[in-house]
Amino acid sequence: MLFSIPAALEPTTDHPEAFPAWLSVAIEVTLLGLLAVTAAGLVTRRRFGLVAALGAAALFVAMAVACPVSGHHSFGAWWYGQMACALGLVAITVAALRRS
């Protein structure tokens, strides 16, 4: 849920060529890979699932910061909602790691 809300908030891009296509694909594939490892770890009730979730959340924060900084999207109110979701994912994952 916290991954889909920021996608809904994100406006259309100002400069689609802000990132090279190969870099965008590499970042997205890495994020999807981390989410797959997270799912596998959580289904099998292993700690590596939470570690992968923290990696995915950290990458998500980096992506949220990079969008307006690179000029891919213009900075706006949507960004605060996106950062709240991204940092919320980090906080939830850190709390789950501490409890495990």
PDB file of N, CA and C in Angstrom:
ATOM      1  N   MET A   1       0.815  -1.186   0.000  1.00  0.00           N
ATOM      2  CA  MET A   1       0.000   0.000   0.000  1.00  0.00           C
ATOM      3  C   MET A   1       0.864   1.257   0.000  1.00  0.00           C
ATOM      4  N   LEU A   2       1.892   1.290   0.834  1.00  0.00           N
ATOM      5  CA  LEU A   2       2.739   2.474   0.898  1.00  0.00           C
ATOM      6  C   LEU A   2       3.625   2.630  -0.330  1.00  0.00           C
ATOM      7  N   PHE A   3       3.673   1.628  -1.206  1.00  0.00           N
ATOM      8  CA  PHE A   3       4.371   1.783  -2.477  1.00  0.00           C
ATOM      9  C   PHE A   3       3.436   2.345  -3.546  1.00  0.00           C
ATOM     10  N   SER A   4       2.158   2.045  -3.460  1.00  0.00           N
ATOM     11  CA  SER A   4       1.225   2.475  -4.498  1.00  0.00           C
ATOM     12  C   SER A   4       0.710   3.894  -4.285  1.00  0.00           C
ATOM     13  N   ILE A   5       0.638   4.363  -3.062  1.00  0.00           N
ATOM     14  CA  ILE A   5       0.166   5.726  -2.809  1.00  0.00           C
ATOM     15  C   ILE A   5       1.095   6.760  -3.450  1.00  0.00           C
ATOM     16  N   PRO A   6       2.426   6.663  -3.270  1.00  0.00           N
ATOM     17  CA  PRO A   6       3.301   7.645  -3.911  1.00  0.00           C
ATOM     18  C   PRO A   6       3.215   7.618  -5.436  1.00  0.00           C
ATOM     19  N   ALA A   7       3.001   6.455  -6.024  1.00  0.00           N
ATOM     20  CA  ALA A   7       2.857   6.386  -7.478  1.00  0.00           C
ATOM     21  C   ALA A   7       1.610   7.135  -7.925  1.00  0.00           C
ATOM     22  N   ALA A   8       0.555   7.081  -7.129  1.00  0.00           N
ATOM     23  CA  ALA A   8      -0.670   7.806  -7.456  1.00  0.00           C
ATOM     24  C   ALA A   8      -0.501   9.309  -7.269  1.00  0.00           C
ATOM     25  N   LEU A   9       0.330   9.716  -6.334  1.00  0.00           N
ATOM     26  CA  LEU A   9       0.548  11.138  -6.070  1.00  0.00           C
ATOM     27  C   LEU A   9       1.463  11.797  -7.092  1.00  0.00           C
ATOM     28  N   GLU A  10       2.328  11.017  -7.715  1.00  0.00           N
ATOM     29  CA  GLU A  10       3.369  11.549  -8.594  1.00  0.00           C
ATOM     30  C   GLU A  10       2.760  12.178  -9.851  1.00  0.00           C
ATOM     31  N   PRO A  11       3.147  13.432 -10.161  1.00  0.00           N
ATOM     32  CA  PRO A  11       2.606  14.074 -11.367  1.00  0.00           C
ATOM     33  C   PRO A  11       3.316  13.552 -12.622  1.00  0.00           C
ATOM     34  N   THR A  12       2.842  14.017 -13.769  1.00  0.00           N
ATOM     35  CA  THR A  12       3.524  13.644 -15.008  1.00  0.00           C
ATOM     36  C   THR A  12       4.909  14.271 -15.011  1.00  0.00           C
ATOM     37  N   THR A  13       5.830  13.607 -15.677  1.00  0.00           N
ATOM     38  CA  THR A  13       7.220  14.044 -15.659  1.00  0.00           C
ATOM     39  C   THR A  13       7.439  15.302 -16.488  1.00  0.00           C
ATOM     40  N   ASP A  14       8.377  16.135 -16.039  1.00  0.00           N
ATOM     41  CA  ASP A  14       8.760  17.337 -16.775  1.00  0.00           C
ATOM     42  C   ASP A  14       9.850  17.018 -17.798  1.00  0.00           C
ATOM     43  N   HIS A  15      10.772  16.154 -17.410  1.00  0.00           N
ATOM     44  CA  HIS A  15      11.905  15.785 -18.263  1.00  0.00           C
ATOM     45  C   HIS A  15      12.104  14.273 -18.208  1.00  0.00           C
ATOM     46  N   PRO A  16      11.476  13.524 -19.098  1.00  0.00           N
ATOM     47  CA  PRO A  16      11.619  12.067 -19.046  1.00  0.00           C
ATOM     48  C   PRO A  16      13.045  11.594 -19.303  1.00  0.00           C
ATOM     49  N   GLU A  17      13.856  12.425 -19.924  1.00  0.00           N
ATOM     50  CA  GLU A  17      15.228  12.030 -20.226  1.00  0.00           C
ATOM     51  C   GLU A  17      16.217  12.434 -19.125  1.00  0.00           C
ATOM     52  N   ALA A  18      15.717  12.760 -17.932  1.00  0.00           N
ATOM     53  CA  ALA A  18      16.590  13.170 -16.832  1.00  0.00           C
ATOM     54  C   ALA A  18      17.530  12.045 -16.423  1.00  0.00           C
ATOM     55  N   PHE A  19      17.091  10.817 -16.510  1.00  0.00           N
ATOM     56  CA  PHE A  19      17.918   9.648 -16.224  1.00  0.00           C
ATOM     57  C   PHE A  19      18.103   8.864 -17.512  1.00  0.00           C
ATOM     58  N   PRO A  20      19.284   8.286 -17.722  1.00  0.00           N
ATOM     59  CA  PRO A  20      19.417   7.383 -18.881  1.00  0.00           C
ATOM     60  C   PRO A  20      18.475   6.187 -18.715  1.00  0.00           C
ATOM     61  N   ALA A  21      17.993   5.687 -19.832  1.00  0.00           N
ATOM     62  CA  ALA A  21      17.012   4.595 -19.792  1.00  0.00           C
ATOM     63  C   ALA A  21      17.569   3.369 -19.068  1.00  0.00           C
ATOM     64  N   TRP A  22      18.835   3.047 -19.277  1.00  0.00           N
ATOM     65  CA  TRP A  22      19.417   1.858 -18.652  1.00  0.00           C
ATOM     66  C   TRP A  22      19.455   2.012 -17.134  1.00  0.00           C
ATOM     67  N   LEU A  23      19.684   3.234 -16.645  1.00  0.00           N
ATOM     68  CA  LEU A  23      19.740   3.451 -15.202  1.00  0.00           C
ATOM     69  C   LEU A  23      18.348   3.307 -14.587  1.00  0.00           C
ATOM     70  N   SER A  24      17.350   3.839 -15.256  1.00  0.00           N
ATOM     71  CA  SER A  24      15.983   3.698 -14.762  1.00  0.00           C
ATOM     72  C   SER A  24      15.567   2.238 -14.702  1.00  0.00           C
ATOM     73  N   VAL A  25      15.902   1.485 -15.723  1.00  0.00           N
ATOM     74  CA  VAL A  25      15.564   0.061 -15.751  1.00  0.00           C
ATOM     75  C   VAL A  25      16.309  -0.679 -14.648  1.00  0.00           C
ATOM     76  N   ALA A  26      17.584  -0.361 -14.451  1.00  0.00           N
ATOM     77  CA  ALA A  26      18.378  -1.032 -13.411  1.00  0.00           C
ATOM     78  C   ALA A  26      17.819  -0.751 -12.019  1.00  0.00           C
ATOM     79  N   ILE A  27      17.403   0.483 -11.780  1.00  0.00           N
ATOM     80  CA  ILE A  27      16.842   0.835 -10.473  1.00  0.00           C
ATOM     81  C   ILE A  27      15.517   0.107 -10.247  1.00  0.00           C
ATOM     82  N   GLU A  28      14.663   0.092 -11.251  1.00  0.00           N
ATOM     83  CA  GLU A  28      13.368  -0.575 -11.115  1.00  0.00           C
ATOM     84  C   GLU A  28      13.523  -2.086 -10.936  1.00  0.00           C
ATOM     85  N   VAL A  29      14.446  -2.702 -11.689  1.00  0.00           N
ATOM     86  CA  VAL A  29      14.672  -4.142 -11.556  1.00  0.00           C
ATOM     87  C   VAL A  29      15.230  -4.461 -10.173  1.00  0.00           C
ATOM     88  N   THR A  30      16.118  -3.611  -9.669  1.00  0.00           N
ATOM     89  CA  THR A  30      16.665  -3.803  -8.330  1.00  0.00           C
ATOM     90  C   THR A  30      15.559  -3.717  -7.278  1.00  0.00           C
ATOM     91  N   LEU A  31      14.684  -2.719  -7.407  1.00  0.00           N
ATOM     92  CA  LEU A  31      13.585  -2.578  -6.455  1.00  0.00           C
ATOM     93  C   LEU A  31      12.656  -3.788  -6.509  1.00  0.00           C
ATOM     94  N   LEU A  32      12.312  -4.227  -7.705  1.00  0.00           N
ATOM     95  CA  LEU A  32      11.438  -5.401  -7.817  1.00  0.00           C
ATOM     96  C   LEU A  32      12.117  -6.660  -7.286  1.00  0.00           C
ATOM     97  N   GLY A  33      13.423  -6.788  -7.506  1.00  0.00           N
ATOM     98  CA  GLY A  33      14.163  -7.924  -6.959  1.00  0.00           C
ATOM     99  C   GLY A  33      14.160  -7.917  -5.438  1.00  0.00           C
ATOM    100  N   LEU A  34      14.372  -6.737  -4.856  1.00  0.00           N
ATOM    101  CA  LEU A  34      14.332  -6.634  -3.398  1.00  0.00           C
ATOM    102  C   LEU A  34      12.947  -6.965  -2.852  1.00  0.00           C
ATOM    103  N   LEU A  35      11.920  -6.553  -3.553  1.00  0.00           N
ATOM    104  CA  LEU A  35      10.558  -6.880  -3.113  1.00  0.00           C
ATOM    105  C   LEU A  35      10.291  -8.378  -3.221  1.00  0.00           C
ATOM    106  N   ALA A  36      10.836  -9.023  -4.242  1.00  0.00           N
ATOM    107  CA  ALA A  36      10.671 -10.473  -4.379  1.00  0.00           C
ATOM    108  C   ALA A  36      11.408 -11.204  -3.256  1.00  0.00           C
ATOM    109  N   VAL A  37      12.618 -10.762  -2.932  1.00  0.00           N
ATOM    110  CA  VAL A  37      13.374 -11.369  -1.832  1.00  0.00           C
ATOM    111  C   VAL A  37      12.649 -11.122  -0.507  1.00  0.00           C
ATOM    112  N   THR A  38      12.080  -9.929  -0.347  1.00  0.00           N
ATOM    113  CA  THR A  38      11.296  -9.619   0.846  1.00  0.00           C
ATOM    114  C   THR A  38      10.130 -10.588   0.986  1.00  0.00           C
ATOM    115  N   ALA A  39       9.401 -10.774  -0.100  1.00  0.00           N
ATOM    116  CA  ALA A  39       8.246 -11.679  -0.055  1.00  0.00           C
ATOM    117  C   ALA A  39       8.682 -13.103   0.279  1.00  0.00           C
ATOM    118  N   ALA A  40       9.759 -13.568  -0.354  1.00  0.00           N
ATOM    119  CA  ALA A  40      10.248 -14.924  -0.090  1.00  0.00           C
ATOM    120  C   ALA A  40      10.681 -15.075   1.368  1.00  0.00           C
ATOM    121  N   GLY A  41      11.373 -14.067   1.883  1.00  0.00           N
ATOM    122  CA  GLY A  41      11.824 -14.124   3.273  1.00  0.00           C
ATOM    123  C   GLY A  41      10.694 -14.073   4.274  1.00  0.00           C
ATOM    124  N   LEU A  42       9.695 -13.253   3.998  1.00  0.00           N
ATOM    125  CA  LEU A  42       8.580 -13.148   4.933  1.00  0.00           C
ATOM    126  C   LEU A  42       7.685 -14.376   4.888  1.00  0.00           C
ATOM    127  N   VAL A  43       7.521 -14.962   3.716  1.00  0.00           N
ATOM    128  CA  VAL A  43       6.714 -16.187   3.613  1.00  0.00           C
ATOM    129  C   VAL A  43       7.373 -17.327   4.377  1.00  0.00           C
ATOM    130  N   THR A  44       8.708 -17.417   4.295  1.00  0.00           N
ATOM    131  CA  THR A  44       9.431 -18.480   4.992  1.00  0.00           C
ATOM    132  C   THR A  44       9.797 -18.095   6.430  1.00  0.00           C
ATOM    133  N   ARG A  45       9.374 -16.899   6.849  1.00  0.00           N
ATOM    134  CA  ARG A  45       9.613 -16.392   8.203  1.00  0.00           C
ATOM    135  C   ARG A  45      11.090 -16.340   8.556  1.00  0.00           C
ATOM    136  N   ARG A  46      11.872 -15.810   7.622  1.00  0.00           N
ATOM    137  CA  ARG A  46      13.321 -15.631   7.825  1.00  0.00           C
ATOM    138  C   ARG A  46      13.642 -14.148   7.982  1.00  0.00           C
ATOM    139  N   ARG A  47      14.695 -13.880   8.705  1.00  0.00           N
ATOM    140  CA  ARG A  47      15.103 -12.500   8.966  1.00  0.00           C
ATOM    141  C   ARG A  47      15.555 -11.781   7.705  1.00  0.00           C
ATOM    142  N   PHE A  48      16.099 -12.512   6.723  1.00  0.00           N
ATOM    143  CA  PHE A  48      16.583 -11.851   5.511  1.00  0.00           C
ATOM    144  C   PHE A  48      15.449 -11.141   4.762  1.00  0.00           C
ATOM    145  N   GLY A  49      14.209 -11.544   5.003  1.00  0.00           N
ATOM    146  CA  GLY A  49      13.079 -10.849   4.411  1.00  0.00           C
ATOM    147  C   GLY A  49      12.959  -9.419   4.919  1.00  0.00           C
ATOM    148  N   LEU A  50      13.183  -9.239   6.212  1.00  0.00           N
ATOM    149  CA  LEU A  50      13.141  -7.894   6.782  1.00  0.00           C
ATOM    150  C   LEU A  50      14.333  -7.060   6.342  1.00  0.00           C
ATOM    151  N   VAL A  51      15.482  -7.681   6.210  1.00  0.00           N
ATOM    152  CA  VAL A  51      16.671  -6.958   5.736  1.00  0.00           C
ATOM    153  C   VAL A  51      16.459  -6.502   4.293  1.00  0.00           C
ATOM    154  N   ALA A  52      15.895  -7.369   3.459  1.00  0.00           N
ATOM    155  CA  ALA A  52      15.596  -6.992   2.081  1.00  0.00           C
ATOM    156  C   ALA A  52      14.534  -5.895   2.045  1.00  0.00           C
ATOM    157  N   ALA A  53      13.567  -5.951   2.949  1.00  0.00           N
ATOM    158  CA  ALA A  53      12.546  -4.910   3.021  1.00  0.00           C
ATOM    159  C   ALA A  53      13.162  -3.566   3.380  1.00  0.00           C
ATOM    160  N   LEU A  54      14.135  -3.574   4.283  1.00  0.00           N
ATOM    161  CA  LEU A  54      14.830  -2.336   4.634  1.00  0.00           C
ATOM    162  C   LEU A  54      15.610  -1.810   3.435  1.00  0.00           C
ATOM    163  N   GLY A  55      16.240  -2.688   2.689  1.00  0.00           N
ATOM    164  CA  GLY A  55      16.942  -2.264   1.470  1.00  0.00           C
ATOM    165  C   GLY A  55      15.990  -1.669   0.450  1.00  0.00           C
ATOM    166  N   ALA A  56      14.834  -2.283   0.277  1.00  0.00           N
ATOM    167  CA  ALA A  56      13.834  -1.764  -0.664  1.00  0.00           C
ATOM    168  C   ALA A  56      13.314  -0.404  -0.201  1.00  0.00           C
ATOM    169  N   ALA A  57      13.079  -0.261   1.087  1.00  0.00           N
ATOM    170  CA  ALA A  57      12.591   1.013   1.616  1.00  0.00           C
ATOM    171  C   ALA A  57      13.644   2.111   1.455  1.00  0.00           C
ATOM    172  N   ALA A  58      14.905   1.771   1.698  1.00  0.00           N
ATOM    173  CA  ALA A  58      15.984   2.756   1.532  1.00  0.00           C
ATOM    174  C   ALA A  58      16.123   3.159   0.062  1.00  0.00           C
ATOM    175  N   LEU A  59      16.015   2.194  -0.841  1.00  0.00           N
ATOM    176  CA  LEU A  59      16.066   2.514  -2.275  1.00  0.00           C
ATOM    177  C   LEU A  59      14.881   3.382  -2.663  1.00  0.00           C
ATOM    178  N   PHE A  60      13.731   3.116  -2.085  1.00  0.00           N
ATOM    179  CA  PHE A  60      12.541   3.913  -2.363  1.00  0.00           C
ATOM    180  C   PHE A  60      12.733   5.359  -1.899  1.00  0.00           C
ATOM    181  N   VAL A  61      13.361   5.556  -0.744  1.00  0.00           N
ATOM    182  CA  VAL A  61      13.663   6.904  -0.259  1.00  0.00           C
ATOM    183  C   VAL A  61      14.619   7.597  -1.227  1.00  0.00           C
ATOM    184  N   ALA A  62      15.647   6.880  -1.670  1.00  0.00           N
ATOM    185  CA  ALA A  62      16.606   7.464  -2.616  1.00  0.00           C
ATOM    186  C   ALA A  62      15.929   7.856  -3.926  1.00  0.00           C
ATOM    187  N   MET A  63      15.011   7.026  -4.396  1.00  0.00           N
ATOM    188  CA  MET A  63      14.277   7.345  -5.626  1.00  0.00           C
ATOM    189  C   MET A  63      13.400   8.585  -5.427  1.00  0.00           C
ATOM    190  N   ALA A  64      12.774   8.699  -4.275  1.00  0.00           N
ATOM    191  CA  ALA A  64      11.910   9.848  -3.999  1.00  0.00           C
ATOM    192  C   ALA A  64      12.719  11.140  -3.924  1.00  0.00           C
ATOM    193  N   VAL A  65      13.923  11.062  -3.388  1.00  0.00           N
ATOM    194  CA  VAL A  65      14.785  12.240  -3.314  1.00  0.00           C
ATOM    195  C   VAL A  65      15.316  12.595  -4.698  1.00  0.00           C
ATOM    196  N   ALA A  66      15.658  11.587  -5.490  1.00  0.00           N
ATOM    197  CA  ALA A  66      16.277  11.820  -6.801  1.00  0.00           C
ATOM    198  C   ALA A  66      15.327  12.450  -7.809  1.00  0.00           C
ATOM    199  N   CYS A  67      14.036  12.187  -7.703  1.00  0.00           N
ATOM    200  CA  CYS A  67      13.085  12.704  -8.704  1.00  0.00           C
ATOM    201  C   CYS A  67      13.126  14.231  -8.832  1.00  0.00           C
ATOM    202  N   PRO A  68      12.853  14.988  -7.778  1.00  0.00           N
ATOM    203  CA  PRO A  68      12.890  16.443  -7.952  1.00  0.00           C
ATOM    204  C   PRO A  68      14.306  17.005  -8.046  1.00  0.00           C
ATOM    205  N   VAL A  69      15.273  16.347  -7.428  1.00  0.00           N
ATOM    206  CA  VAL A  69      16.645  16.843  -7.471  1.00  0.00           C
ATOM    207  C   VAL A  69      17.210  16.774  -8.887  1.00  0.00           C
ATOM    208  N   SER A  70      16.878  15.710  -9.614  1.00  0.00           N
ATOM    209  CA  SER A  70      17.396  15.533 -10.968  1.00  0.00           C
ATOM    210  C   SER A  70      16.618  16.329 -12.005  1.00  0.00           C
ATOM    211  N   GLY A  71      15.466  16.847 -11.641  1.00  0.00           N
ATOM    212  CA  GLY A  71      14.649  17.575 -12.588  1.00  0.00           C
ATOM    213  C   GLY A  71      13.655  16.696 -13.323  1.00  0.00           C
ATOM    214  N   HIS A  72      13.596  15.424 -12.969  1.00  0.00           N
ATOM    215  CA  HIS A  72      12.661  14.506 -13.609  1.00  0.00           C
ATOM    216  C   HIS A  72      11.222  14.942 -13.334  1.00  0.00           C
ATOM    217  N   HIS A  73      10.945  15.344 -12.116  1.00  0.00           N
ATOM    218  CA  HIS A  73       9.658  15.917 -11.738  1.00  0.00           C
ATOM    219  C   HIS A  73       9.923  17.266 -11.091  1.00  0.00           C
ATOM    220  N   SER A  74       8.961  18.152 -11.187  1.00  0.00           N
ATOM    221  CA  SER A  74       9.100  19.421 -10.479  1.00  0.00           C
ATOM    222  C   SER A  74       8.744  19.198  -9.011  1.00  0.00           C
ATOM    223  N   PHE A  75       9.375  19.956  -8.153  1.00  0.00           N
ATOM    224  CA  PHE A  75       9.132  19.838  -6.715  1.00  0.00           C
ATOM    225  C   PHE A  75       7.750  20.393  -6.414  1.00  0.00           C
ATOM    226  N   GLY A  76       7.005  19.701  -5.570  1.00  0.00           N
ATOM    227  CA  GLY A  76       5.664  20.160  -5.233  1.00  0.00           C
ATOM    228  C   GLY A  76       5.151  19.489  -3.976  1.00  0.00           C
ATOM    229  N   ALA A  77       3.899  19.763  -3.667  1.00  0.00           N
ATOM    230  CA  ALA A  77       3.283  19.219  -2.457  1.00  0.00           C
ATOM    231  C   ALA A  77       3.202  17.693  -2.499  1.00  0.00           C
ATOM    232  N   TRP A  78       3.106  17.102  -3.684  1.00  0.00           N
ATOM    233  CA  TRP A  78       3.042  15.649  -3.829  1.00  0.00           C
ATOM    234  C   TRP A  78       4.263  14.982  -3.199  1.00  0.00           C
ATOM    235  N   TRP A  79       5.399  15.691  -3.243  1.00  0.00           N
ATOM    236  CA  TRP A  79       6.655  15.119  -2.766  1.00  0.00           C
ATOM    237  C   TRP A  79       6.601  14.838  -1.267  1.00  0.00           C
ATOM    238  N   TYR A  80       5.928  15.685  -0.514  1.00  0.00           N
ATOM    239  CA  TYR A  80       5.831  15.467   0.937  1.00  0.00           C
ATOM    240  C   TYR A  80       5.062  14.184   1.255  1.00  0.00           C
ATOM    241  N   GLY A  81       4.013  13.935   0.513  1.00  0.00           N
ATOM    242  CA  GLY A  81       3.273  12.687   0.688  1.00  0.00           C
ATOM    243  C   GLY A  81       4.110  11.480   0.311  1.00  0.00           C
ATOM    244  N   GLN A  82       4.859  11.612  -0.775  1.00  0.00           N
ATOM    245  CA  GLN A  82       5.717  10.512  -1.203  1.00  0.00           C
ATOM    246  C   GLN A  82       6.812  10.237  -0.172  1.00  0.00           C
ATOM    247  N   MET A  83       7.421  11.287   0.350  1.00  0.00           N
ATOM    248  CA  MET A  83       8.469  11.100   1.356  1.00  0.00           C
ATOM    249  C   MET A  83       7.894  10.555   2.662  1.00  0.00           C
ATOM    250  N   ALA A  84       6.699  10.959   3.027  1.00  0.00           N
ATOM    251  CA  ALA A  84       6.069  10.427   4.245  1.00  0.00           C
ATOM    252  C   ALA A  84       5.861   8.924   4.110  1.00  0.00           C
ATOM    253  N   CYS A  85       5.398   8.473   2.948  1.00  0.00           N
ATOM    254  CA  CYS A  85       5.208   7.034   2.728  1.00  0.00           C
ATOM    255  C   CYS A  85       6.549   6.303   2.735  1.00  0.00           C
ATOM    256  N   ALA A  86       7.550   6.871   2.071  1.00  0.00           N
ATOM    257  CA  ALA A  86       8.859   6.223   1.992  1.00  0.00           C
ATOM    258  C   ALA A  86       9.512   6.129   3.369  1.00  0.00           C
ATOM    259  N   LEU A  87       9.483   7.206   4.113  1.00  0.00           N
ATOM    260  CA  LEU A  87      10.079   7.182   5.457  1.00  0.00           C
ATOM    261  C   LEU A  87       9.253   6.328   6.411  1.00  0.00           C
ATOM    262  N   GLY A  88       7.954   6.259   6.185  1.00  0.00           N
ATOM    263  CA  GLY A  88       7.115   5.363   6.974  1.00  0.00           C
ATOM    264  C   GLY A  88       7.500   3.910   6.765  1.00  0.00           C
ATOM    265  N   LEU A  89       7.798   3.559   5.515  1.00  0.00           N
ATOM    266  CA  LEU A  89       8.257   2.193   5.238  1.00  0.00           C
ATOM    267  C   LEU A  89       9.566   1.887   5.945  1.00  0.00           C
ATOM    268  N   VAL A  90      10.483   2.852   5.952  1.00  0.00           N
ATOM    269  CA  VAL A  90      11.756   2.651   6.663  1.00  0.00           C
ATOM    270  C   VAL A  90      11.497   2.461   8.153  1.00  0.00           C
ATOM    271  N   ALA A  91      10.657   3.296   8.739  1.00  0.00           N
ATOM    272  CA  ALA A  91      10.379   3.204  10.176  1.00  0.00           C
ATOM    273  C   ALA A  91       9.708   1.885  10.544  1.00  0.00           C
ATOM    274  N   ILE A  92       8.752   1.453   9.743  1.00  0.00           N
ATOM    275  CA  ILE A  92       8.069   0.183  10.007  1.00  0.00           C
ATOM    276  C   ILE A  92       9.042  -0.981   9.919  1.00  0.00           C
ATOM    277  N   THR A  93       9.911  -0.946   8.921  1.00  0.00           N
ATOM    278  CA  THR A  93      10.866  -2.037   8.732  1.00  0.00           C
ATOM    279  C   THR A  93      11.898  -2.071   9.858  1.00  0.00           C
ATOM    280  N   VAL A  94      12.393  -0.899  10.249  1.00  0.00           N
ATOM    281  CA  VAL A  94      13.358  -0.846  11.360  1.00  0.00           C
ATOM    282  C   VAL A  94      12.709  -1.364  12.639  1.00  0.00           C
ATOM    283  N   ALA A  95      11.469  -0.995  12.895  1.00  0.00           N
ATOM    284  CA  ALA A  95      10.771  -1.469  14.097  1.00  0.00           C
ATOM    285  C   ALA A  95      10.599  -2.983  14.053  1.00  0.00           C
ATOM    286  N   ALA A  96      10.269  -3.519  12.876  1.00  0.00           N
ATOM    287  CA  ALA A  96      10.111  -4.977  12.745  1.00  0.00           C
ATOM    288  C   ALA A  96      11.449  -5.685  12.935  1.00  0.00           C
ATOM    289  N   LEU A  97      12.519  -5.105  12.423  1.00  0.00           N
ATOM    290  CA  LEU A  97      13.849  -5.709  12.613  1.00  0.00           C
ATOM    291  C   LEU A  97      14.250  -5.710  14.085  1.00  0.00           C
ATOM    292  N   ARG A  98      13.931  -4.663  14.803  1.00  0.00           N
ATOM    293  CA  ARG A  98      14.274  -4.600  16.230  1.00  0.00           C
ATOM    294  C   ARG A  98      13.498  -5.621  17.035  1.00  0.00           C
ATOM    295  N   ARG A  99      12.258  -5.907  16.627  1.00  0.00           N
ATOM    296  CA  ARG A  99      11.450  -6.873  17.355  1.00  0.00           C
ATOM    297  C   ARG A  99      11.832  -8.318  17.067  1.00  0.00           C
ATOM    298  N   SER A 100      12.467  -8.540  15.915  1.00  0.00           N
ATOM    299  CA  SER A 100      12.775  -9.927  15.545  1.00  0.00           C
ATOM    300  C   SER A 100      14.075 -10.417  16.166  1.00  0.00           C
TER     301      SER A 100
END
